[in-house]
Amino acid sequence: MTWGDAALTVITIAAFRLLPAFARNILRLTDYRKTWYEITVGVVMGLLGWVAAQLHLLVFDKLYLWWGSQKRLLGTQDNRSNE
């Protein structure tokens, strides 16, 4: 572990400890009407959507690119007769 790693760990812990107080002050300033439940559901749904999108790009985008690749479409004559 380097000094940079240790400093990053301390900064991260401090940020997470200060996050609730910071969030409370921001919500008080903006007079936010949503409950913590609604905010939490929104954040969780956003994260799940992001994970689903990344999984889709990881799996289906590669499959789509392979399916339309010139190498597959213009393969040898033997490959075309098998399709």
PDB file of N, CA and C in Angstrom:
ATOM      1  N   MET A   1       0.854  -1.174   0.000  1.00  0.00           N
ATOM      2  CA  MET A   1       0.000   0.000   0.000  1.00  0.00           C
ATOM      3  C   MET A   1       0.897   1.233   0.000  1.00  0.00           C
ATOM      4  N   THR A   2       0.606   2.137  -0.902  1.00  0.00           N
ATOM      5  CA  THR A   2       1.400   3.359  -0.997  1.00  0.00           C
ATOM      6  C   THR A   2       0.741   4.474  -0.189  1.00  0.00           C
ATOM      7  N   TRP A   3       1.456   5.596  -0.064  1.00  0.00           N
ATOM      8  CA  TRP A   3       0.900   6.745   0.646  1.00  0.00           C
ATOM      9  C   TRP A   3      -0.297   7.313  -0.103  1.00  0.00           C
ATOM     10  N   GLY A   4      -0.255   7.226  -1.417  1.00  0.00           N
ATOM     11  CA  GLY A   4      -1.384   7.705  -2.213  1.00  0.00           C
ATOM     12  C   GLY A   4      -2.641   6.887  -1.956  1.00  0.00           C
ATOM     13  N   ASP A   5      -2.471   5.560  -1.851  1.00  0.00           N
ATOM     14  CA  ASP A   5      -3.614   4.694  -1.543  1.00  0.00           C
ATOM     15  C   ASP A   5      -4.189   5.006  -0.165  1.00  0.00           C
ATOM     16  N   ALA A   6      -3.295   5.219   0.794  1.00  0.00           N
ATOM     17  CA  ALA A   6      -3.743   5.539   2.150  1.00  0.00           C
ATOM     18  C   ALA A   6      -4.488   6.880   2.176  1.00  0.00           C
ATOM     19  N   ALA A   7      -3.957   7.861   1.460  1.00  0.00           N
ATOM     20  CA  ALA A   7      -4.612   9.176   1.418  1.00  0.00           C
ATOM     21  C   ALA A   7      -5.976   9.076   0.747  1.00  0.00           C
ATOM     22  N   LEU A   8      -6.059   8.320  -0.332  1.00  0.00           N
ATOM     23  CA  LEU A   8      -7.335   8.141  -1.028  1.00  0.00           C
ATOM     24  C   LEU A   8      -8.353   7.449  -0.123  1.00  0.00           C
ATOM     25  N   THR A   9      -7.906   6.476   0.651  1.00  0.00           N
ATOM     26  CA  THR A   9      -8.796   5.782   1.586  1.00  0.00           C
ATOM     27  C   THR A   9      -9.320   6.736   2.647  1.00  0.00           C
ATOM     28  N   VAL A  10      -8.455   7.553   3.203  1.00  0.00           N
ATOM     29  CA  VAL A  10      -8.867   8.509   4.237  1.00  0.00           C
ATOM     30  C   VAL A  10      -9.839   9.532   3.652  1.00  0.00           C
ATOM     31  N   ILE A  11      -9.570  10.026   2.459  1.00  0.00           N
ATOM     32  CA  ILE A  11     -10.452  11.010   1.824  1.00  0.00           C
ATOM     33  C   ILE A  11     -11.819  10.388   1.543  1.00  0.00           C
ATOM     34  N   THR A  12     -11.829   9.141   1.068  1.00  0.00           N
ATOM     35  CA  THR A  12     -13.096   8.469   0.777  1.00  0.00           C
ATOM     36  C   THR A  12     -13.913   8.266   2.042  1.00  0.00           C
ATOM     37  N   ILE A  13     -13.273   7.826   3.115  1.00  0.00           N
ATOM     38  CA  ILE A  13     -13.980   7.621   4.383  1.00  0.00           C
ATOM     39  C   ILE A  13     -14.537   8.948   4.891  1.00  0.00           C
ATOM     40  N   ALA A  14     -13.744  10.006   4.813  1.00  0.00           N
ATOM     41  CA  ALA A  14     -14.203  11.324   5.270  1.00  0.00           C
ATOM     42  C   ALA A  14     -15.381  11.803   4.430  1.00  0.00           C
ATOM     43  N   ALA A  15     -15.324  11.590   3.123  1.00  0.00           N
ATOM     44  CA  ALA A  15     -16.418  12.022   2.250  1.00  0.00           C
ATOM     45  C   ALA A  15     -17.708  11.281   2.585  1.00  0.00           C
ATOM     46  N   PHE A  16     -17.604   9.971   2.816  1.00  0.00           N
ATOM     47  CA  PHE A  16     -18.809   9.207   3.154  1.00  0.00           C
ATOM     48  C   PHE A  16     -19.354   9.580   4.527  1.00  0.00           C
ATOM     49  N   ARG A  17     -18.490   9.963   5.445  1.00  0.00           N
ATOM     50  CA  ARG A  17     -18.969  10.378   6.769  1.00  0.00           C
ATOM     51  C   ARG A  17     -19.670  11.729   6.700  1.00  0.00           C
ATOM     52  N   LEU A  18     -19.226  12.612   5.795  1.00  0.00           N
ATOM     53  CA  LEU A  18     -19.814  13.943   5.677  1.00  0.00           C
ATOM     54  C   LEU A  18     -21.008  13.982   4.734  1.00  0.00           C
ATOM     55  N   LEU A  19     -21.214  12.929   3.972  1.00  0.00           N
ATOM     56  CA  LEU A  19     -22.281  12.912   2.974  1.00  0.00           C
ATOM     57  C   LEU A  19     -23.684  13.137   3.553  1.00  0.00           C
ATOM     58  N   PRO A  20     -24.081  12.471   4.645  1.00  0.00           N
ATOM     59  CA  PRO A  20     -25.440  12.712   5.170  1.00  0.00           C
ATOM     60  C   PRO A  20     -25.680  14.169   5.579  1.00  0.00           C
ATOM     61  N   ALA A  21     -24.704  14.794   6.236  1.00  0.00           N
ATOM     62  CA  ALA A  21     -24.866  16.194   6.651  1.00  0.00           C
ATOM     63  C   ALA A  21     -24.938  17.094   5.420  1.00  0.00           C
ATOM     64  N   PHE A  22     -24.119  16.827   4.434  1.00  0.00           N
ATOM     65  CA  PHE A  22     -24.127  17.617   3.206  1.00  0.00           C
ATOM     66  C   PHE A  22     -25.464  17.470   2.487  1.00  0.00           C
ATOM     67  N   ALA A  23     -25.953  16.248   2.397  1.00  0.00           N
ATOM     68  CA  ALA A  23     -27.235  16.002   1.720  1.00  0.00           C
ATOM     69  C   ALA A  23     -28.382  16.693   2.461  1.00  0.00           C
ATOM     70  N   ARG A  24     -28.362  16.640   3.791  1.00  0.00           N
ATOM     71  CA  ARG A  24     -29.403  17.302   4.576  1.00  0.00           C
ATOM     72  C   ARG A  24     -29.425  18.807   4.309  1.00  0.00           C
ATOM     73  N   ASN A  25     -28.244  19.420   4.267  1.00  0.00           N
ATOM     74  CA  ASN A  25     -28.171  20.865   4.016  1.00  0.00           C
ATOM     75  C   ASN A  25     -28.659  21.218   2.622  1.00  0.00           C
ATOM     76  N   ILE A  26     -28.306  20.426   1.632  1.00  0.00           N
ATOM     77  CA  ILE A  26     -28.754  20.689   0.261  1.00  0.00           C
ATOM     78  C   ILE A  26     -30.273  20.541   0.181  1.00  0.00           C
ATOM     79  N   LEU A  27     -30.815  19.484   0.776  1.00  0.00           N
ATOM     80  CA  LEU A  27     -32.261  19.275   0.741  1.00  0.00           C
ATOM     81  C   LEU A  27     -32.996  20.391   1.472  1.00  0.00           C
ATOM     82  N   ARG A  28     -32.423  20.884   2.560  1.00  0.00           N
ATOM     83  CA  ARG A  28     -33.052  21.970   3.293  1.00  0.00           C
ATOM     84  C   ARG A  28     -33.030  23.264   2.478  1.00  0.00           C
ATOM     85  N   LEU A  29     -31.942  23.510   1.777  1.00  0.00           N
ATOM     86  CA  LEU A  29     -31.830  24.720   0.966  1.00  0.00           C
ATOM     87  C   LEU A  29     -32.793  24.705  -0.217  1.00  0.00           C
ATOM     88  N   THR A  30     -32.967  23.551  -0.820  1.00  0.00           N
ATOM     89  CA  THR A  30     -33.813  23.468  -2.013  1.00  0.00           C
ATOM     90  C   THR A  30     -35.269  23.189  -1.662  1.00  0.00           C
ATOM     91  N   ASP A  31     -35.565  22.952  -0.405  1.00  0.00           N
ATOM     92  CA  ASP A  31     -36.924  22.640   0.054  1.00  0.00           C
ATOM     93  C   ASP A  31     -37.490  21.466  -0.746  1.00  0.00           C
ATOM     94  N   TYR A  32     -36.713  20.415  -0.778  1.00  0.00           N
ATOM     95  CA  TYR A  32     -37.047  19.227  -1.573  1.00  0.00           C
ATOM     96  C   TYR A  32     -38.218  18.488  -0.947  1.00  0.00           C
ATOM     97  N   ARG A  33     -39.203  18.103  -1.728  1.00  0.00           N
ATOM     98  CA  ARG A  33     -40.421  17.488  -1.208  1.00  0.00           C
ATOM     99  C   ARG A  33     -40.421  15.963  -1.278  1.00  0.00           C
ATOM    100  N   LYS A  34     -39.468  15.368  -1.987  1.00  0.00           N
ATOM    101  CA  LYS A  34     -39.456  13.912  -2.098  1.00  0.00           C
ATOM    102  C   LYS A  34     -38.922  13.287  -0.812  1.00  0.00           C
ATOM    103  N   THR A  35     -39.427  12.092  -0.521  1.00  0.00           N
ATOM    104  CA  THR A  35     -38.969  11.387   0.663  1.00  0.00           C
ATOM    105  C   THR A  35     -37.680  10.641   0.340  1.00  0.00           C
ATOM    106  N   TRP A  36     -37.009  10.196   1.392  1.00  0.00           N
ATOM    107  CA  TRP A  36     -35.784   9.419   1.199  1.00  0.00           C
ATOM    108  C   TRP A  36     -36.080   8.126   0.449  1.00  0.00           C
ATOM    109  N   TYR A  37     -37.257   7.572   0.655  1.00  0.00           N
ATOM    110  CA  TYR A  37     -37.633   6.348  -0.048  1.00  0.00           C
ATOM    111  C   TYR A  37     -37.680   6.589  -1.558  1.00  0.00           C
ATOM    112  N   GLU A  38     -38.293   7.680  -1.974  1.00  0.00           N
ATOM    113  CA  GLU A  38     -38.390   7.986  -3.405  1.00  0.00           C
ATOM    114  C   GLU A  38     -37.013   8.243  -4.011  1.00  0.00           C
ATOM    115  N   ILE A  39     -36.166   8.927  -3.279  1.00  0.00           N
ATOM    116  CA  ILE A  39     -34.803   9.197  -3.748  1.00  0.00           C
ATOM    117  C   ILE A  39     -34.027   7.891  -3.865  1.00  0.00           C
ATOM    118  N   THR A  40     -34.143   7.029  -2.857  1.00  0.00           N
ATOM    119  CA  THR A  40     -33.433   5.755  -2.868  1.00  0.00           C
ATOM    120  C   THR A  40     -33.911   4.869  -4.014  1.00  0.00           C
ATOM    121  N   VAL A  41     -35.217   4.812  -4.226  1.00  0.00           N
ATOM    122  CA  VAL A  41     -35.752   4.010  -5.334  1.00  0.00           C
ATOM    123  C   VAL A  41     -35.230   4.542  -6.666  1.00  0.00           C
ATOM    124  N   GLY A  42     -35.183   5.842  -6.830  1.00  0.00           N
ATOM    125  CA  GLY A  42     -34.671   6.429  -8.065  1.00  0.00           C
ATOM    126  C   GLY A  42     -33.208   6.097  -8.306  1.00  0.00           C
ATOM    127  N   VAL A  43     -32.402   6.188  -7.256  1.00  0.00           N
ATOM    128  CA  VAL A  43     -30.980   5.880  -7.390  1.00  0.00           C
ATOM    129  C   VAL A  43     -30.779   4.405  -7.714  1.00  0.00           C
ATOM    130  N   VAL A  44     -31.495   3.522  -7.008  1.00  0.00           N
ATOM    131  CA  VAL A  44     -31.359   2.080  -7.252  1.00  0.00           C
ATOM    132  C   VAL A  44     -31.814   1.723  -8.660  1.00  0.00           C
ATOM    133  N   MET A  45     -32.915   2.300  -9.112  1.00  0.00           N
ATOM    134  CA  MET A  45     -33.386   2.018 -10.474  1.00  0.00           C
ATOM    135  C   MET A  45     -32.395   2.526 -11.507  1.00  0.00           C
ATOM    136  N   GLY A  46     -31.814   3.665 -11.261  1.00  0.00           N
ATOM    137  CA  GLY A  46     -30.796   4.189 -12.172  1.00  0.00           C
ATOM    138  C   GLY A  46     -29.584   3.286 -12.249  1.00  0.00           C
ATOM    139  N   LEU A  47     -29.139   2.800 -11.088  1.00  0.00           N
ATOM    140  CA  LEU A  47     -27.985   1.895 -11.069  1.00  0.00           C
ATOM    141  C   LEU A  47     -28.294   0.569 -11.752  1.00  0.00           C
ATOM    142  N   LEU A  48     -29.492   0.027 -11.509  1.00  0.00           N
ATOM    143  CA  LEU A  48     -29.869  -1.229 -12.171  1.00  0.00           C
ATOM    144  C   LEU A  48     -29.976  -1.038 -13.683  1.00  0.00           C
ATOM    145  N   GLY A  49     -30.505   0.091 -14.107  1.00  0.00           N
ATOM    146  CA  GLY A  49     -30.572   0.383 -15.532  1.00  0.00           C
ATOM    147  C   GLY A  49     -29.193   0.502 -16.150  1.00  0.00           C
ATOM    148  N   TRP A  50     -28.268   1.125 -15.426  1.00  0.00           N
ATOM    149  CA  TRP A  50     -26.905   1.252 -15.924  1.00  0.00           C
ATOM    150  C   TRP A  50     -26.244  -0.118 -16.053  1.00  0.00           C
ATOM    151  N   VAL A  51     -26.444  -0.983 -15.039  1.00  0.00           N
ATOM    152  CA  VAL A  51     -25.883  -2.337 -15.097  1.00  0.00           C
ATOM    153  C   VAL A  51     -26.475  -3.101 -16.280  1.00  0.00           C
ATOM    154  N   ALA A  52     -27.772  -2.998 -16.494  1.00  0.00           N
ATOM    155  CA  ALA A  52     -28.414  -3.691 -17.613  1.00  0.00           C
ATOM    156  C   ALA A  52     -27.873  -3.176 -18.945  1.00  0.00           C
ATOM    157  N   ALA A  53     -27.671  -1.878 -19.059  1.00  0.00           N
ATOM    158  CA  ALA A  53     -27.141  -1.316 -20.301  1.00  0.00           C
ATOM    159  C   ALA A  53     -25.711  -1.793 -20.556  1.00  0.00           C
ATOM    160  N   GLN A  54     -24.896  -1.839 -19.501  1.00  0.00           N
ATOM    161  CA  GLN A  54     -23.520  -2.311 -19.667  1.00  0.00           C
ATOM    162  C   GLN A  54     -23.490  -3.777 -20.063  1.00  0.00           C
ATOM    163  N   LEU A  55     -24.347  -4.582 -19.460  1.00  0.00           N
ATOM    164  CA  LEU A  55     -24.429  -5.997 -19.805  1.00  0.00           C
ATOM    165  C   LEU A  55     -24.882  -6.163 -21.252  1.00  0.00           C
ATOM    166  N   HIS A  56     -25.840  -5.361 -21.662  1.00  0.00           N
ATOM    167  CA  HIS A  56     -26.330  -5.409 -23.040  1.00  0.00           C
ATOM    168  C   HIS A  56     -25.199  -5.064 -24.006  1.00  0.00           C
ATOM    169  N   LEU A  57     -24.443  -4.015 -23.712  1.00  0.00           N
ATOM    170  CA  LEU A  57     -23.335  -3.650 -24.581  1.00  0.00           C
ATOM    171  C   LEU A  57     -22.257  -4.721 -24.600  1.00  0.00           C
ATOM    172  N   LEU A  58     -22.010  -5.322 -23.464  1.00  0.00           N
ATOM    173  CA  LEU A  58     -20.963  -6.338 -23.367  1.00  0.00           C
ATOM    174  C   LEU A  58     -21.313  -7.585 -24.165  1.00  0.00           C
ATOM    175  N   VAL A  59     -22.562  -8.001 -24.128  1.00  0.00           N
ATOM    176  CA  VAL A  59     -22.961  -9.260 -24.765  1.00  0.00           C
ATOM    177  C   VAL A  59     -23.536  -9.014 -26.157  1.00  0.00           C
ATOM    178  N   PHE A  60     -24.619  -8.279 -26.243  1.00  0.00           N
ATOM    179  CA  PHE A  60     -25.361  -8.185 -27.491  1.00  0.00           C
ATOM    180  C   PHE A  60     -24.685  -7.304 -28.527  1.00  0.00           C
ATOM    181  N   ASP A  61     -23.936  -6.289 -28.111  1.00  0.00           N
ATOM    182  CA  ASP A  61     -23.255  -5.454 -29.084  1.00  0.00           C
ATOM    183  C   ASP A  61     -22.186  -6.263 -29.823  1.00  0.00           C
ATOM    184  N   LYS A  62     -21.439  -7.084 -29.098  1.00  0.00           N
ATOM    185  CA  LYS A  62     -20.432  -7.931 -29.737  1.00  0.00           C
ATOM    186  C   LYS A  62     -21.092  -8.923 -30.681  1.00  0.00           C
ATOM    187  N   LEU A  63     -22.220  -9.490 -30.258  1.00  0.00           N
ATOM    188  CA  LEU A  63     -22.944 -10.431 -31.108  1.00  0.00           C
ATOM    189  C   LEU A  63     -23.448  -9.729 -32.370  1.00  0.00           C
ATOM    190  N   TYR A  64     -23.977  -8.522 -32.219  1.00  0.00           N
ATOM    191  CA  TYR A  64     -24.479  -7.758 -33.353  1.00  0.00           C
ATOM    192  C   TYR A  64     -23.349  -7.422 -34.322  1.00  0.00           C
ATOM    193  N   LEU A  65     -22.206  -6.985 -33.787  1.00  0.00           N
ATOM    194  CA  LEU A  65     -21.081  -6.653 -34.644  1.00  0.00           C
ATOM    195  C   LEU A  65     -20.542  -7.890 -35.354  1.00  0.00           C
ATOM    196  N   TRP A  66     -20.520  -9.017 -34.669  1.00  0.00           N
ATOM    197  CA  TRP A  66     -20.070 -10.258 -35.298  1.00  0.00           C
ATOM    198  C   TRP A  66     -21.039 -10.673 -36.402  1.00  0.00           C
ATOM    199  N   TRP A  67     -22.327 -10.559 -36.131  1.00  0.00           N
ATOM    200  CA  TRP A  67     -23.349 -10.989 -37.083  1.00  0.00           C
ATOM    201  C   TRP A  67     -23.242 -10.204 -38.391  1.00  0.00           C
ATOM    202  N   GLY A  68     -22.898  -8.940 -38.341  1.00  0.00           N
ATOM    203  CA  GLY A  68     -22.806  -8.120 -39.543  1.00  0.00           C
ATOM    204  C   GLY A  68     -21.397  -7.935 -40.069  1.00  0.00           C
ATOM    205  N   SER A  69     -20.440  -8.660 -39.546  1.00  0.00           N
ATOM    206  CA  SER A  69     -19.051  -8.462 -39.968  1.00  0.00           C
ATOM    207  C   SER A  69     -18.826  -8.970 -41.382  1.00  0.00           C
ATOM    208  N   GLN A  70     -17.931  -8.312 -42.111  1.00  0.00           N
ATOM    209  CA  GLN A  70     -17.613  -8.714 -43.471  1.00  0.00           C
ATOM    210  C   GLN A  70     -16.946 -10.083 -43.493  1.00  0.00           C
ATOM    211  N   LYS A  71     -16.152 -10.345 -42.475  1.00  0.00           N
ATOM    212  CA  LYS A  71     -15.461 -11.628 -42.428  1.00  0.00           C
ATOM    213  C   LYS A  71     -16.472 -12.776 -42.425  1.00  0.00           C
ATOM    214  N   ARG A  72     -17.546 -12.638 -41.673  1.00  0.00           N
ATOM    215  CA  ARG A  72     -18.556 -13.688 -41.615  1.00  0.00           C
ATOM    216  C   ARG A  72     -19.393 -13.714 -42.888  1.00  0.00           C
ATOM    217  N   LEU A  73     -19.750 -12.514 -43.378  1.00  0.00           N
ATOM    218  CA  LEU A  73     -20.618 -12.453 -44.552  1.00  0.00           C
ATOM    219  C   LEU A  73     -19.910 -12.838 -45.841  1.00  0.00           C
ATOM    220  N   LEU A  74     -18.633 -12.485 -45.942  1.00  0.00           N
ATOM    221  CA  LEU A  74     -17.882 -12.750 -47.167  1.00  0.00           C
ATOM    222  C   LEU A  74     -16.916 -13.916 -46.998  1.00  0.00           C
ATOM    223  N   GLY A  75     -17.253 -14.853 -46.149  1.00  0.00           N
ATOM    224  CA  GLY A  75     -16.390 -16.007 -45.893  1.00  0.00           C
ATOM    225  C   GLY A  75     -16.086 -16.773 -47.168  1.00  0.00           C
ATOM    226  N   THR A  76     -15.402 -17.856 -47.030  1.00  0.00           N
ATOM    227  CA  THR A  76     -15.039 -18.661 -48.199  1.00  0.00           C
ATOM    228  C   THR A  76     -16.277 -19.256 -48.847  1.00  0.00           C
ATOM    229  N   GLN A  77     -16.111 -19.786 -50.022  1.00  0.00           N
ATOM    230  CA  GLN A  77     -17.211 -20.378 -50.761  1.00  0.00           C
ATOM    231  C   GLN A  77     -17.797 -21.552 -50.002  1.00  0.00           C
ATOM    232  N   ASP A  78     -16.955 -22.291 -49.281  1.00  0.00           N
ATOM    233  CA  ASP A  78     -17.442 -23.442 -48.519  1.00  0.00           C
ATOM    234  C   ASP A  78     -18.398 -23.018 -47.417  1.00  0.00           C
ATOM    235  N   ASN A  79     -18.100 -21.912 -46.765  1.00  0.00           N
ATOM    236  CA  ASN A  79     -18.957 -21.413 -45.693  1.00  0.00           C
ATOM    237  C   ASN A  79     -20.316 -20.983 -46.221  1.00  0.00           C
ATOM    238  N   ARG A  80     -20.348 -20.389 -47.430  1.00  0.00           N
ATOM    239  CA  ARG A  80     -21.613 -19.943 -47.992  1.00  0.00           C
ATOM    240  C   ARG A  80     -22.510 -21.114 -48.371  1.00  0.00           C
ATOM    241  N   SER A  81     -21.921 -22.198 -48.811  1.00  0.00           N
ATOM    242  CA  SER A  81     -22.738 -23.338 -49.208  1.00  0.00           C
ATOM    243  C   SER A  81     -23.341 -24.032 -47.988  1.00  0.00           C
ATOM    244  N   ASN A  82     -22.722 -23.880 -46.812  1.00  0.00           N
ATOM    245  CA  ASN A  82     -23.236 -24.500 -45.592  1.00  0.00           C
ATOM    246  C   ASN A  82     -24.386 -23.708 -44.993  1.00  0.00           C
ATOM    247  N   GLU A  83     -24.491 -22.421 -45.296  1.00  0.00           N
ATOM    248  CA  GLU A  83     -25.533 -21.591 -44.684  1.00  0.00           C
ATOM    249  C   GLU A  83     -26.857 -21.743 -45.362  1.00  0.00           C
TER     250      GLU A  83
END
